[in-house]
Amino acid sequence: MQELLGRLRALDPAASQGLRVIACFDELMAGRVGTDGLLSAAAALAGRPVGVRRGGDGTVVRVGPDGRRLAPDPAATPAPTDRHVSGGIQVWIEGGDDGPGVNDALILERLSLALAMRYEPDLSPAPRDLALLVDGAVEPAIRREAATRRGLATGVLLRVVVAPLFAVWRTHPIGPEDVVATDFGPVHAAIIPATSPVAASPLGIGVAVERDELPLSFRTALVALRLADSAPDTVACADDLGVLAETLADQPIRPRMDADEEAVARLSGYPWGIATLDALVRSTSVREAARTVGIHHSTMTARIEMVTSEFGFSPLDGWARTRVAVALLRWRVRTSRVLELPPPVPLPAP
């Protein structure tokens, strides 16, 4: 499926988007994700709330695009397309101002199939262990109980890996999985042994921790994911950032933009701005930075003068390189679009 998705992405935009939906549910079903996770994925892919009505007593469950449960709303209007699952369960996508989405029918088809395979007679909220394990606000004793239920032993190093719901998985994670709501949107999260290989695109890999510190691994995995769209292979590992991963993870959800980050934002308006800053913080000399971006060192010198003017200090002096690096990381995290579904690739002209 993932190979087919890659081949069709450039051939048929509609098929590409549809196959992303199929691939998403394939991964969630392979990971034995529960009902709430499946509903969260459907709502995120549709961009609108998804509703489920249980047969018998008619209990309604609604989940929003952010992955969080919504209160039952009798006034909510289902879109024209809906489906029935075995056992009398009805699922639907609620209508929006723009009418049904192009993939609504497919989303409901895959959701219905996944629910039928996982059919739970009782749709009341069940403990979602992975969401508990990565939530630092949950009491440690409750998190330890959840870890024990999921077979996570003490004294073993683990990592949290996170990916967008539409990610292309080449190696399926070995460990507990679920869709977890975050302040940046729902993500496909998994807990894996620290040395276990996993390959997806895009992907954020958290720091290695023991089970009591899984919330830290989750937070750093989110930082890594939000940097993945600027990584060459769209995979970012928090280990590569060292202590900066935890520093960025502990920032407020929408931190104040300081003067250094404002300078990065201004320089991003130049076609060469971000690539030049990246080369400067990764290189040990002006000539090496120039070679990195494929320009003459005199051109790099001229760019450094503009960078110096924007920051108010030379990026090559003392702690200045560190300040530029941190500001660049903060700007990349703030402006990341990794959780946005990529637009279809236009068809080539006939």
C-alpha atoms as a PDB file:
ATOM      1  CA  MET A   1       0.000   0.000   0.000  1.00  0.00           C
ATOM      2  CA  GLN A   2       2.731   2.490   0.933  1.00  0.00           C
ATOM      3  CA  GLU A   3       4.613   1.816  -2.328  1.00  0.00           C
ATOM      4  CA  LEU A   4       1.398   2.264  -4.298  1.00  0.00           C
ATOM      5  CA  LEU A   5       0.757   5.547  -2.478  1.00  0.00           C
ATOM      6  CA  GLY A   6       4.184   6.796  -3.477  1.00  0.00           C
ATOM      7  CA  ARG A   7       3.700   5.890  -7.138  1.00  0.00           C
ATOM      8  CA  LEU A   8       0.245   7.416  -7.434  1.00  0.00           C
ATOM      9  CA  ARG A   9       0.981  10.642  -5.556  1.00  0.00           C
ATOM     10  CA  ALA A  10       2.330  12.262  -8.718  1.00  0.00           C
ATOM     11  CA  LEU A  11      -0.100  10.587 -11.117  1.00  0.00           C
ATOM     12  CA  ASP A  12      -3.580  11.133  -9.725  1.00  0.00           C
ATOM     13  CA  PRO A  13      -4.072  13.699  -6.925  1.00  0.00           C
ATOM     14  CA  ALA A  14      -7.497  12.345  -5.940  1.00  0.00           C
ATOM     15  CA  ALA A  15      -6.189   8.789  -5.753  1.00  0.00           C
ATOM     16  CA  SER A  16      -3.189   9.993  -3.757  1.00  0.00           C
ATOM     17  CA  GLN A  17      -5.372  11.641  -1.111  1.00  0.00           C
ATOM     18  CA  GLY A  18      -7.692   8.653  -1.021  1.00  0.00           C
ATOM     19  CA  LEU A  19      -4.826   6.239  -0.565  1.00  0.00           C
ATOM     20  CA  ARG A  20      -3.540   8.329   2.334  1.00  0.00           C
ATOM     21  CA  VAL A  21      -6.876   7.689   4.041  1.00  0.00           C
ATOM     22  CA  ILE A  22      -6.622   3.963   3.372  1.00  0.00           C
ATOM     23  CA  ALA A  23      -2.986   3.817   4.506  1.00  0.00           C
ATOM     24  CA  CYS A  24      -3.834   5.697   7.709  1.00  0.00           C
ATOM     25  CA  PHE A  25      -6.555   3.248   8.722  1.00  0.00           C
ATOM     26  CA  ASP A  26      -4.398   0.282   7.679  1.00  0.00           C
ATOM     27  CA  GLU A  27      -1.724   1.428  10.124  1.00  0.00           C
ATOM     28  CA  LEU A  28      -4.212   2.074  12.919  1.00  0.00           C
ATOM     29  CA  MET A  29      -5.825  -1.336  12.475  1.00  0.00           C
ATOM     30  CA  ALA A  30      -2.425  -3.025  12.362  1.00  0.00           C
ATOM     31  CA  GLY A  31      -1.604  -1.285  15.633  1.00  0.00           C
ATOM     32  CA  ARG A  32      -4.908  -2.426  17.205  1.00  0.00           C
ATOM     33  CA  VAL A  33      -5.890   1.163  17.965  1.00  0.00           C
ATOM     34  CA  GLY A  34      -9.150   1.429  19.917  1.00  0.00           C
ATOM     35  CA  THR A  35     -12.470   3.002  19.019  1.00  0.00           C
ATOM     36  CA  ASP A  36     -11.644   6.499  20.274  1.00  0.00           C
ATOM     37  CA  GLY A  37      -8.416   6.515  18.297  1.00  0.00           C
ATOM     38  CA  LEU A  38     -10.204   5.451  15.124  1.00  0.00           C
ATOM     39  CA  LEU A  39     -12.830   8.169  15.565  1.00  0.00           C
ATOM     40  CA  SER A  40     -10.107  10.759  16.219  1.00  0.00           C
ATOM     41  CA  ALA A  41      -8.336   9.772  13.016  1.00  0.00           C
ATOM     42  CA  ALA A  42     -11.537   9.969  10.973  1.00  0.00           C
ATOM     43  CA  ALA A  43     -12.387  13.425  12.344  1.00  0.00           C
ATOM     44  CA  ALA A  44      -8.869  14.728  11.715  1.00  0.00           C
ATOM     45  CA  LEU A  45      -8.815  13.432   8.143  1.00  0.00           C
ATOM     46  CA  ALA A  46     -12.262  14.884   7.430  1.00  0.00           C
ATOM     47  CA  GLY A  47     -11.527  18.172   9.185  1.00  0.00           C
ATOM     48  CA  ARG A  48     -14.977  18.000  10.825  1.00  0.00           C
ATOM     49  CA  PRO A  49     -16.558  16.198  13.786  1.00  0.00           C
ATOM     50  CA  VAL A  50     -17.389  12.524  13.437  1.00  0.00           C
ATOM     51  CA  GLY A  51     -20.387  11.012  15.205  1.00  0.00           C
ATOM     52  CA  VAL A  52     -21.270   7.492  16.289  1.00  0.00           C
ATOM     53  CA  ARG A  53     -24.693   6.294  17.430  1.00  0.00           C
ATOM     54  CA  ARG A  54     -24.934   2.978  19.219  1.00  0.00           C
ATOM     55  CA  GLY A  55     -27.834   0.688  18.439  1.00  0.00           C
ATOM     56  CA  GLY A  56     -30.242  -0.140  21.215  1.00  0.00           C
ATOM     57  CA  ASP A  57     -30.096   2.810  23.597  1.00  0.00           C
ATOM     58  CA  GLY A  58     -28.988   5.289  20.909  1.00  0.00           C
ATOM     59  CA  THR A  59     -25.923   6.559  22.806  1.00  0.00           C
ATOM     60  CA  VAL A  60     -24.098   9.179  20.712  1.00  0.00           C
ATOM     61  CA  VAL A  61     -20.352   9.813  20.806  1.00  0.00           C
ATOM     62  CA  ARG A  62     -18.828  12.782  18.927  1.00  0.00           C
ATOM     63  CA  VAL A  63     -15.142  13.483  18.352  1.00  0.00           C
ATOM     64  CA  GLY A  64     -13.705  16.720  16.963  1.00  0.00           C
ATOM     65  CA  PRO A  65     -10.855  17.187  14.470  1.00  0.00           C
ATOM     66  CA  ASP A  66      -8.489  17.870  17.384  1.00  0.00           C
ATOM     67  CA  GLY A  67      -9.043  14.321  18.658  1.00  0.00           C
ATOM     68  CA  ARG A  68     -11.025  15.316  21.735  1.00  0.00           C
ATOM     69  CA  ARG A  69     -14.523  14.147  22.631  1.00  0.00           C
ATOM     70  CA  LEU A  70     -17.376  16.591  22.107  1.00  0.00           C
ATOM     71  CA  ALA A  71     -20.620  16.784  24.024  1.00  0.00           C
ATOM     72  CA  PRO A  72     -23.612  15.158  22.292  1.00  0.00           C
ATOM     73  CA  ASP A  73     -25.376  17.794  20.190  1.00  0.00           C
ATOM     74  CA  PRO A  74     -28.894  17.056  18.918  1.00  0.00           C
ATOM     75  CA  ALA A  75     -28.539  20.022  16.532  1.00  0.00           C
ATOM     76  CA  ALA A  76     -25.448  18.580  14.841  1.00  0.00           C
ATOM     77  CA  THR A  77     -26.255  17.715  11.239  1.00  0.00           C
ATOM     78  CA  PRO A  78     -24.722  14.626   9.653  1.00  0.00           C
ATOM     79  CA  ALA A  79     -23.466  15.006   6.107  1.00  0.00           C
ATOM     80  CA  PRO A  80     -25.516  13.240   3.431  1.00  0.00           C
ATOM     81  CA  THR A  81     -23.156  10.251   3.577  1.00  0.00           C
ATOM     82  CA  ASP A  82     -23.303   7.923   6.553  1.00  0.00           C
ATOM     83  CA  ARG A  83     -22.764   4.236   7.120  1.00  0.00           C
ATOM     84  CA  HIS A  84     -24.018   1.478   9.397  1.00  0.00           C
ATOM     85  CA  VAL A  85     -21.685  -0.919  11.152  1.00  0.00           C
ATOM     86  CA  SER A  86     -22.643  -4.386  12.356  1.00  0.00           C
ATOM     87  CA  GLY A  87     -24.456  -4.368  15.676  1.00  0.00           C
ATOM     88  CA  GLY A  88     -26.603  -1.370  14.816  1.00  0.00           C
ATOM     89  CA  ILE A  89     -23.836   1.244  15.087  1.00  0.00           C
ATOM     90  CA  GLN A  90     -24.191   4.260  12.776  1.00  0.00           C
ATOM     91  CA  VAL A  91     -21.225   6.509  11.954  1.00  0.00           C
ATOM     92  CA  TRP A  92     -21.240   9.832  10.144  1.00  0.00           C
ATOM     93  CA  ILE A  93     -19.257  12.959   9.383  1.00  0.00           C
ATOM     94  CA  GLU A  94     -21.040  16.135  10.382  1.00  0.00           C
ATOM     95  CA  GLY A  95     -21.811  18.644   7.659  1.00  0.00           C
ATOM     96  CA  GLY A  96     -19.719  21.754   7.142  1.00  0.00           C
ATOM     97  CA  ASP A  97     -20.156  25.083   5.394  1.00  0.00           C
ATOM     98  CA  ASP A  98     -18.423  23.750   2.277  1.00  0.00           C
ATOM     99  CA  GLY A  99     -20.498  20.586   1.989  1.00  0.00           C
ATOM    100  CA  PRO A 100     -19.169  17.017   2.005  1.00  0.00           C
ATOM    101  CA  GLY A 101     -15.454  16.524   1.483  1.00  0.00           C
ATOM    102  CA  VAL A 102     -14.139  14.632  -1.513  1.00  0.00           C
ATOM    103  CA  ASN A 103     -12.960  11.762   0.697  1.00  0.00           C
ATOM    104  CA  ASP A 104     -15.870  11.648   3.173  1.00  0.00           C
ATOM    105  CA  ALA A 105     -17.335   8.442   1.764  1.00  0.00           C
ATOM    106  CA  LEU A 106     -13.949   6.730   1.802  1.00  0.00           C
ATOM    107  CA  ILE A 107     -13.210   7.877   5.362  1.00  0.00           C
ATOM    108  CA  LEU A 108     -16.532   6.469   6.537  1.00  0.00           C
ATOM    109  CA  GLU A 109     -15.964   3.239   4.638  1.00  0.00           C
ATOM    110  CA  ARG A 110     -12.573   2.669   6.284  1.00  0.00           C
ATOM    111  CA  LEU A 111     -13.859   3.777   9.693  1.00  0.00           C
ATOM    112  CA  SER A 112     -16.781   1.373   9.400  1.00  0.00           C
ATOM    113  CA  LEU A 113     -14.472  -1.477   8.472  1.00  0.00           C
ATOM    114  CA  ALA A 114     -12.115  -0.719  11.348  1.00  0.00           C
ATOM    115  CA  LEU A 115     -14.976  -0.485  13.863  1.00  0.00           C
ATOM    116  CA  ALA A 116     -16.480  -3.722  12.607  1.00  0.00           C
ATOM    117  CA  MET A 117     -13.144  -5.455  13.169  1.00  0.00           C
ATOM    118  CA  ARG A 118     -12.777  -3.972  16.636  1.00  0.00           C
ATOM    119  CA  TYR A 119     -16.486  -3.862  17.463  1.00  0.00           C
ATOM    120  CA  GLU A 120     -16.962  -3.006  21.129  1.00  0.00           C
ATOM    121  CA  PRO A 121     -20.468  -3.675  22.510  1.00  0.00           C
ATOM    122  CA  ASP A 122     -20.006  -0.855  25.001  1.00  0.00           C
ATOM    123  CA  LEU A 123     -19.023   2.520  23.547  1.00  0.00           C
ATOM    124  CA  SER A 124     -18.514   4.121  26.943  1.00  0.00           C
ATOM    125  CA  PRO A 125     -15.045   5.661  27.339  1.00  0.00           C
ATOM    126  CA  ALA A 126     -12.442   2.987  28.006  1.00  0.00           C
ATOM    127  CA  PRO A 127      -9.012   3.670  29.492  1.00  0.00           C
ATOM    128  CA  ARG A 128      -6.662   4.776  26.726  1.00  0.00           C
ATOM    129  CA  ASP A 129      -3.413   3.579  28.199  1.00  0.00           C
ATOM    130  CA  LEU A 130      -1.048   5.265  25.773  1.00  0.00           C
ATOM    131  CA  ALA A 131      -2.683   8.657  26.289  1.00  0.00           C
ATOM    132  CA  LEU A 132      -2.303   8.149  30.055  1.00  0.00           C
ATOM    133  CA  LEU A 133       1.315   7.030  29.758  1.00  0.00           C
ATOM    134  CA  VAL A 134       2.459  10.162  27.911  1.00  0.00           C
ATOM    135  CA  ASP A 135       0.446  12.691  29.947  1.00  0.00           C
ATOM    136  CA  GLY A 136       2.602  14.276  32.635  1.00  0.00           C
ATOM    137  CA  ALA A 137      -0.505  15.609  34.396  1.00  0.00           C
ATOM    138  CA  VAL A 138      -1.643  12.054  35.203  1.00  0.00           C
ATOM    139  CA  GLU A 139      -0.660  10.712  38.629  1.00  0.00           C
ATOM    140  CA  PRO A 140       2.483   8.533  38.442  1.00  0.00           C
ATOM    141  CA  ALA A 141       0.656   5.632  40.116  1.00  0.00           C
ATOM    142  CA  ILE A 142      -2.016   5.653  37.391  1.00  0.00           C
ATOM    143  CA  ARG A 143       0.648   5.796  34.693  1.00  0.00           C
ATOM    144  CA  ARG A 144       2.473   2.842  36.271  1.00  0.00           C
ATOM    145  CA  GLU A 145      -0.742   0.814  36.289  1.00  0.00           C
ATOM    146  CA  ALA A 146      -1.244   1.593  32.608  1.00  0.00           C
ATOM    147  CA  ALA A 147       2.381   0.668  31.865  1.00  0.00           C
ATOM    148  CA  THR A 148       1.939  -2.668  33.604  1.00  0.00           C
ATOM    149  CA  ARG A 149      -1.247  -3.361  31.631  1.00  0.00           C
ATOM    150  CA  ARG A 150       0.664  -2.760  28.409  1.00  0.00           C
ATOM    151  CA  GLY A 151       3.599  -4.956  29.432  1.00  0.00           C
ATOM    152  CA  LEU A 152       6.128  -2.137  29.829  1.00  0.00           C
ATOM    153  CA  ALA A 153       8.696  -3.292  32.385  1.00  0.00           C
ATOM    154  CA  THR A 154      10.789  -1.157  34.712  1.00  0.00           C
ATOM    155  CA  GLY A 155      14.465  -0.679  33.973  1.00  0.00           C
ATOM    156  CA  VAL A 156      13.950  -0.829  30.197  1.00  0.00           C
ATOM    157  CA  LEU A 157      14.697   2.138  27.947  1.00  0.00           C
ATOM    158  CA  LEU A 158      11.779   3.182  25.753  1.00  0.00           C
ATOM    159  CA  ARG A 159      11.005   5.910  23.249  1.00  0.00           C
ATOM    160  CA  VAL A 160       7.838   7.584  22.078  1.00  0.00           C
ATOM    161  CA  VAL A 161       7.582   8.097  18.331  1.00  0.00           C
ATOM    162  CA  VAL A 162       4.929  10.336  16.778  1.00  0.00           C
ATOM    163  CA  ALA A 163       3.758  10.899  13.227  1.00  0.00           C
ATOM    164  CA  PRO A 164       0.910  12.692  11.459  1.00  0.00           C
ATOM    165  CA  LEU A 165      -2.129  10.548  10.754  1.00  0.00           C
ATOM    166  CA  PHE A 166      -1.294  10.621   7.044  1.00  0.00           C
ATOM    167  CA  ALA A 167       2.347   9.535   7.509  1.00  0.00           C
ATOM    168  CA  VAL A 168       3.824   6.908   5.216  1.00  0.00           C
ATOM    169  CA  TRP A 169       5.056   4.005   7.390  1.00  0.00           C
ATOM    170  CA  ARG A 170       7.797   1.778   5.980  1.00  0.00           C
ATOM    171  CA  THR A 171       8.466  -0.132   9.213  1.00  0.00           C
ATOM    172  CA  HIS A 172       5.563  -0.625  11.599  1.00  0.00           C
ATOM    173  CA  PRO A 173       6.331   0.238  15.245  1.00  0.00           C
ATOM    174  CA  ILE A 174       6.554  -2.625  17.740  1.00  0.00           C
ATOM    175  CA  GLY A 175       4.679  -1.516  20.834  1.00  0.00           C
ATOM    176  CA  PRO A 176       1.484   0.147  22.089  1.00  0.00           C
ATOM    177  CA  GLU A 177      -0.086   2.604  19.625  1.00  0.00           C
ATOM    178  CA  ASP A 178      -2.947   5.076  19.645  1.00  0.00           C
ATOM    179  CA  VAL A 179      -4.106   8.406  18.294  1.00  0.00           C
ATOM    180  CA  VAL A 180      -3.295  11.046  20.910  1.00  0.00           C
ATOM    181  CA  ALA A 181      -4.741  14.557  21.012  1.00  0.00           C
ATOM    182  CA  THR A 182      -2.198  17.364  21.361  1.00  0.00           C
ATOM    183  CA  ASP A 183      -2.331  21.152  21.299  1.00  0.00           C
ATOM    184  CA  PHE A 184      -1.078  20.978  17.712  1.00  0.00           C
ATOM    185  CA  GLY A 185      -3.545  18.356  16.488  1.00  0.00           C
ATOM    186  CA  PRO A 186      -3.970  14.589  16.837  1.00  0.00           C
ATOM    187  CA  VAL A 187      -0.929  12.409  16.192  1.00  0.00           C
ATOM    188  CA  HIS A 188      -0.286   8.708  15.693  1.00  0.00           C
ATOM    189  CA  ALA A 189       1.890   7.795  18.699  1.00  0.00           C
ATOM    190  CA  ALA A 190       3.670   4.586  19.651  1.00  0.00           C
ATOM    191  CA  ILE A 191       5.927   3.445  22.489  1.00  0.00           C
ATOM    192  CA  ILE A 192       8.828   1.311  21.289  1.00  0.00           C
ATOM    193  CA  PRO A 193      12.026  -0.167  22.755  1.00  0.00           C
ATOM    194  CA  ALA A 194      14.768   2.459  22.563  1.00  0.00           C
ATOM    195  CA  THR A 195      16.785   0.459  20.028  1.00  0.00           C
ATOM    196  CA  SER A 196      13.836  -0.738  17.940  1.00  0.00           C
ATOM    197  CA  PRO A 197      13.957   0.380  14.290  1.00  0.00           C
ATOM    198  CA  VAL A 198      10.996   2.311  12.950  1.00  0.00           C
ATOM    199  CA  ALA A 199      10.661   4.160   9.667  1.00  0.00           C
ATOM    200  CA  ALA A 200       7.962   6.613   8.702  1.00  0.00           C
ATOM    201  CA  SER A 201       7.729   9.945   6.947  1.00  0.00           C
ATOM    202  CA  PRO A 202       7.320  12.394   8.582  1.00  0.00           C
ATOM    203  CA  LEU A 203       8.415  11.081  12.007  1.00  0.00           C
ATOM    204  CA  GLY A 204       9.519  12.504  15.349  1.00  0.00           C
ATOM    205  CA  ILE A 205      11.545  10.293  17.702  1.00  0.00           C
ATOM    206  CA  GLY A 206      11.660  11.146  21.405  1.00  0.00           C
ATOM    207  CA  VAL A 207      14.531  10.724  23.847  1.00  0.00           C
ATOM    208  CA  ALA A 208      15.146   7.317  25.446  1.00  0.00           C
ATOM    209  CA  VAL A 209      13.664   7.062  28.956  1.00  0.00           C
ATOM    210  CA  GLU A 210      12.343   4.550  31.461  1.00  0.00           C
ATOM    211  CA  ARG A 211       8.592   4.126  31.669  1.00  0.00           C
ATOM    212  CA  ASP A 212       8.059   6.733  34.407  1.00  0.00           C
ATOM    213  CA  GLU A 213       9.530   9.424  32.118  1.00  0.00           C
ATOM    214  CA  LEU A 214       7.464   8.652  29.021  1.00  0.00           C
ATOM    215  CA  PRO A 215       5.787  12.116  29.127  1.00  0.00           C
ATOM    216  CA  LEU A 216       9.241  13.652  28.544  1.00  0.00           C
ATOM    217  CA  SER A 217       9.895  11.342  25.595  1.00  0.00           C
ATOM    218  CA  PHE A 218       6.490  12.269  24.169  1.00  0.00           C
ATOM    219  CA  ARG A 219       7.108  16.015  24.491  1.00  0.00           C
ATOM    220  CA  THR A 220      10.520  15.758  22.842  1.00  0.00           C
ATOM    221  CA  ALA A 221       9.068  13.536  20.103  1.00  0.00           C
ATOM    222  CA  LEU A 222       6.548  16.285  19.332  1.00  0.00           C
ATOM    223  CA  VAL A 223       9.382  18.817  19.090  1.00  0.00           C
ATOM    224  CA  ALA A 224      11.272  16.477  16.782  1.00  0.00           C
ATOM    225  CA  LEU A 225       8.185  15.949  14.624  1.00  0.00           C
ATOM    226  CA  ARG A 226       7.673  19.695  14.264  1.00  0.00           C
ATOM    227  CA  LEU A 227      11.268  19.932  13.042  1.00  0.00           C
ATOM    228  CA  ALA A 228      10.888  16.978  10.678  1.00  0.00           C
ATOM    229  CA  ASP A 229       9.633  19.057   7.755  1.00  0.00           C
ATOM    230  CA  SER A 230      13.040  20.769   7.663  1.00  0.00           C
ATOM    231  CA  ALA A 231      14.991  17.486   7.950  1.00  0.00           C
ATOM    232  CA  PRO A 232      16.368  15.986   4.720  1.00  0.00           C
ATOM    233  CA  ASP A 233      14.468  12.702   5.133  1.00  0.00           C
ATOM    234  CA  THR A 234      11.557  14.209   7.153  1.00  0.00           C
ATOM    235  CA  VAL A 235      12.684  12.181  10.180  1.00  0.00           C
ATOM    236  CA  ALA A 236      13.972  14.030  13.241  1.00  0.00           C
ATOM    237  CA  CYS A 237      15.350  12.511  16.444  1.00  0.00           C
ATOM    238  CA  ALA A 238      15.390  14.422  19.710  1.00  0.00           C
ATOM    239  CA  ASP A 239      18.762  12.853  20.558  1.00  0.00           C
ATOM    240  CA  ASP A 240      20.356  15.015  17.862  1.00  0.00           C
ATOM    241  CA  LEU A 241      19.331  18.158  19.756  1.00  0.00           C
ATOM    242  CA  GLY A 242      20.757  17.144  23.128  1.00  0.00           C
ATOM    243  CA  VAL A 243      19.465  19.286  25.969  1.00  0.00           C
ATOM    244  CA  LEU A 244      17.840  21.661  23.464  1.00  0.00           C
ATOM    245  CA  ALA A 245      15.116  19.064  22.834  1.00  0.00           C
ATOM    246  CA  GLU A 246      13.929  19.256  26.435  1.00  0.00           C
ATOM    247  CA  THR A 247      14.347  23.043  26.476  1.00  0.00           C
ATOM    248  CA  LEU A 248      12.130  23.424  23.413  1.00  0.00           C
ATOM    249  CA  ALA A 249       9.646  20.875  24.784  1.00  0.00           C
ATOM    250  CA  ASP A 250       9.234  22.884  27.991  1.00  0.00           C
ATOM    251  CA  GLN A 251       8.351  26.119  26.181  1.00  0.00           C
ATOM    252  CA  PRO A 252       4.791  27.469  26.389  1.00  0.00           C
ATOM    253  CA  ILE A 253       2.473  26.295  23.617  1.00  0.00           C
ATOM    254  CA  ARG A 254       2.839  29.635  21.839  1.00  0.00           C
ATOM    255  CA  PRO A 255       5.975  31.241  23.267  1.00  0.00           C
ATOM    256  CA  ARG A 256       6.722  34.924  22.948  1.00  0.00           C
ATOM    257  CA  MET A 257       8.884  35.669  19.919  1.00  0.00           C
ATOM    258  CA  ASP A 258      12.101  37.254  21.192  1.00  0.00           C
ATOM    259  CA  ALA A 259      14.381  39.606  19.253  1.00  0.00           C
ATOM    260  CA  ASP A 260      16.575  36.798  17.897  1.00  0.00           C
ATOM    261  CA  GLU A 261      13.612  34.833  16.555  1.00  0.00           C
ATOM    262  CA  GLU A 262      12.187  38.020  15.057  1.00  0.00           C
ATOM    263  CA  ALA A 263      15.476  38.418  13.173  1.00  0.00           C
ATOM    264  CA  VAL A 264      15.119  34.867  11.815  1.00  0.00           C
ATOM    265  CA  ALA A 265      11.556  35.648  10.752  1.00  0.00           C
ATOM    266  CA  ARG A 266      12.723  38.723   8.834  1.00  0.00           C
ATOM    267  CA  LEU A 267      15.548  36.810   7.157  1.00  0.00           C
ATOM    268  CA  SER A 268      13.113  34.071   6.142  1.00  0.00           C
ATOM    269  CA  GLY A 269      11.673  36.598   3.709  1.00  0.00           C
ATOM    270  CA  TYR A 270      14.803  36.219   1.567  1.00  0.00           C
ATOM    271  CA  PRO A 271      14.983  33.115  -0.660  1.00  0.00           C
ATOM    272  CA  TRP A 272      18.428  32.356   0.755  1.00  0.00           C
ATOM    273  CA  GLY A 273      17.736  33.338   4.375  1.00  0.00           C
ATOM    274  CA  ILE A 274      16.963  30.085   6.194  1.00  0.00           C
ATOM    275  CA  ALA A 275      19.416  27.950   4.201  1.00  0.00           C
ATOM    276  CA  THR A 276      22.177  30.450   4.972  1.00  0.00           C
ATOM    277  CA  LEU A 277      21.415  30.517   8.698  1.00  0.00           C
ATOM    278  CA  ASP A 278      21.348  26.724   8.761  1.00  0.00           C
ATOM    279  CA  ALA A 279      24.718  26.564   7.022  1.00  0.00           C
ATOM    280  CA  LEU A 280      26.240  29.098   9.415  1.00  0.00           C
ATOM    281  CA  VAL A 281      25.216  27.240  12.570  1.00  0.00           C
ATOM    282  CA  ARG A 282      26.375  23.874  11.175  1.00  0.00           C
ATOM    283  CA  SER A 283      29.698  25.007   9.704  1.00  0.00           C
ATOM    284  CA  THR A 284      33.024  25.889  11.298  1.00  0.00           C
ATOM    285  CA  SER A 285      34.073  28.538   8.779  1.00  0.00           C
ATOM    286  CA  VAL A 286      32.680  30.976   6.251  1.00  0.00           C
ATOM    287  CA  ARG A 287      34.141  28.948   3.387  1.00  0.00           C
ATOM    288  CA  GLU A 288      32.545  25.735   4.659  1.00  0.00           C
ATOM    289  CA  ALA A 289      29.178  27.493   5.013  1.00  0.00           C
ATOM    290  CA  ALA A 290      29.530  28.829   1.461  1.00  0.00           C
ATOM    291  CA  ARG A 291      30.279  25.349   0.107  1.00  0.00           C
ATOM    292  CA  THR A 292      27.264  23.958   1.970  1.00  0.00           C
ATOM    293  CA  VAL A 293      24.853  26.229   0.102  1.00  0.00           C
ATOM    294  CA  GLY A 294      26.842  26.198  -3.141  1.00  0.00           C
ATOM    295  CA  ILE A 295      27.928  29.837  -3.346  1.00  0.00           C
ATOM    296  CA  HIS A 296      31.239  31.726  -3.473  1.00  0.00           C
ATOM    297  CA  HIS A 297      32.651  32.654  -0.070  1.00  0.00           C
ATOM    298  CA  SER A 298      32.489  36.355  -0.986  1.00  0.00           C
ATOM    299  CA  THR A 299      28.733  36.004  -1.500  1.00  0.00           C
ATOM    300  CA  MET A 300      28.488  34.306   1.889  1.00  0.00           C
ATOM    301  CA  THR A 301      30.432  37.189   3.435  1.00  0.00           C
ATOM    302  CA  ALA A 302      27.901  39.649   2.012  1.00  0.00           C
ATOM    303  CA  ARG A 303      25.052  37.570   3.427  1.00  0.00           C
ATOM    304  CA  ILE A 304      26.724  37.458   6.842  1.00  0.00           C
ATOM    305  CA  GLU A 305      26.768  41.261   6.829  1.00  0.00           C
ATOM    306  CA  MET A 306      22.985  41.247   6.308  1.00  0.00           C
ATOM    307  CA  VAL A 307      22.550  38.623   9.038  1.00  0.00           C
ATOM    308  CA  THR A 308      24.661  40.741  11.370  1.00  0.00           C
ATOM    309  CA  SER A 309      22.533  43.780  10.581  1.00  0.00           C
ATOM    310  CA  GLU A 310      19.299  41.921  11.391  1.00  0.00           C
ATOM    311  CA  PHE A 311      20.522  40.303  14.623  1.00  0.00           C
ATOM    312  CA  GLY A 312      22.607  43.223  15.842  1.00  0.00           C
ATOM    313  CA  PHE A 313      25.663  40.969  16.297  1.00  0.00           C
ATOM    314  CA  SER A 314      27.889  38.785  14.140  1.00  0.00           C
ATOM    315  CA  PRO A 315      26.705  35.159  13.995  1.00  0.00           C
ATOM    316  CA  LEU A 316      30.351  34.057  14.141  1.00  0.00           C
ATOM    317  CA  ASP A 317      31.331  35.642  17.473  1.00  0.00           C
ATOM    318  CA  GLY A 318      31.384  33.677  20.729  1.00  0.00           C
ATOM    319  CA  TRP A 319      27.924  32.657  21.913  1.00  0.00           C
ATOM    320  CA  ALA A 320      26.345  34.312  18.889  1.00  0.00           C
ATOM    321  CA  ARG A 321      26.327  31.082  16.881  1.00  0.00           C
ATOM    322  CA  THR A 322      24.412  29.367  19.708  1.00  0.00           C
ATOM    323  CA  ARG A 323      21.915  32.233  19.874  1.00  0.00           C
ATOM    324  CA  VAL A 324      21.300  32.013  16.135  1.00  0.00           C
ATOM    325  CA  ALA A 325      20.921  28.222  16.321  1.00  0.00           C
ATOM    326  CA  VAL A 326      18.364  28.400  19.146  1.00  0.00           C
ATOM    327  CA  ALA A 327      16.428  31.174  17.403  1.00  0.00           C
ATOM    328  CA  LEU A 328      16.381  29.166  14.167  1.00  0.00           C
ATOM    329  CA  LEU A 329      15.071  26.078  15.987  1.00  0.00           C
ATOM    330  CA  ARG A 330      12.385  28.103  17.765  1.00  0.00           C
ATOM    331  CA  TRP A 331      11.281  29.650  14.473  1.00  0.00           C
ATOM    332  CA  ARG A 332      11.154  26.248  12.761  1.00  0.00           C
ATOM    333  CA  VAL A 333       9.083  24.745  15.567  1.00  0.00           C
ATOM    334  CA  ARG A 334       6.717  27.729  15.501  1.00  0.00           C
ATOM    335  CA  THR A 335       6.234  27.706  11.730  1.00  0.00           C
ATOM    336  CA  SER A 336       6.169  23.931  11.216  1.00  0.00           C
ATOM    337  CA  ARG A 337       3.414  22.670   8.926  1.00  0.00           C
ATOM    338  CA  VAL A 338       4.274  19.006   9.310  1.00  0.00           C
ATOM    339  CA  LEU A 339       0.827  18.151  10.711  1.00  0.00           C
ATOM    340  CA  GLU A 340      -0.976  19.682   7.736  1.00  0.00           C
ATOM    341  CA  LEU A 341      -2.111  17.232   5.065  1.00  0.00           C
ATOM    342  CA  PRO A 342       0.063  17.955   1.998  1.00  0.00           C
ATOM    343  CA  PRO A 343      -1.886  19.158  -1.048  1.00  0.00           C
ATOM    344  CA  PRO A 344      -2.166  16.788  -3.984  1.00  0.00           C
ATOM    345  CA  VAL A 345       0.536  17.009  -6.617  1.00  0.00           C
ATOM    346  CA  PRO A 346      -1.044  18.590  -9.746  1.00  0.00           C
ATOM    347  CA  LEU A 347      -1.424  16.377 -12.769  1.00  0.00           C
ATOM    348  CA  PRO A 348       1.149  17.073 -15.513  1.00  0.00           C
ATOM    349  CA  ALA A 349      -0.117  19.056 -18.471  1.00  0.00           C
ATOM    350  CA  PRO A 350      -1.263  16.839 -21.374  1.00  0.00           C
END
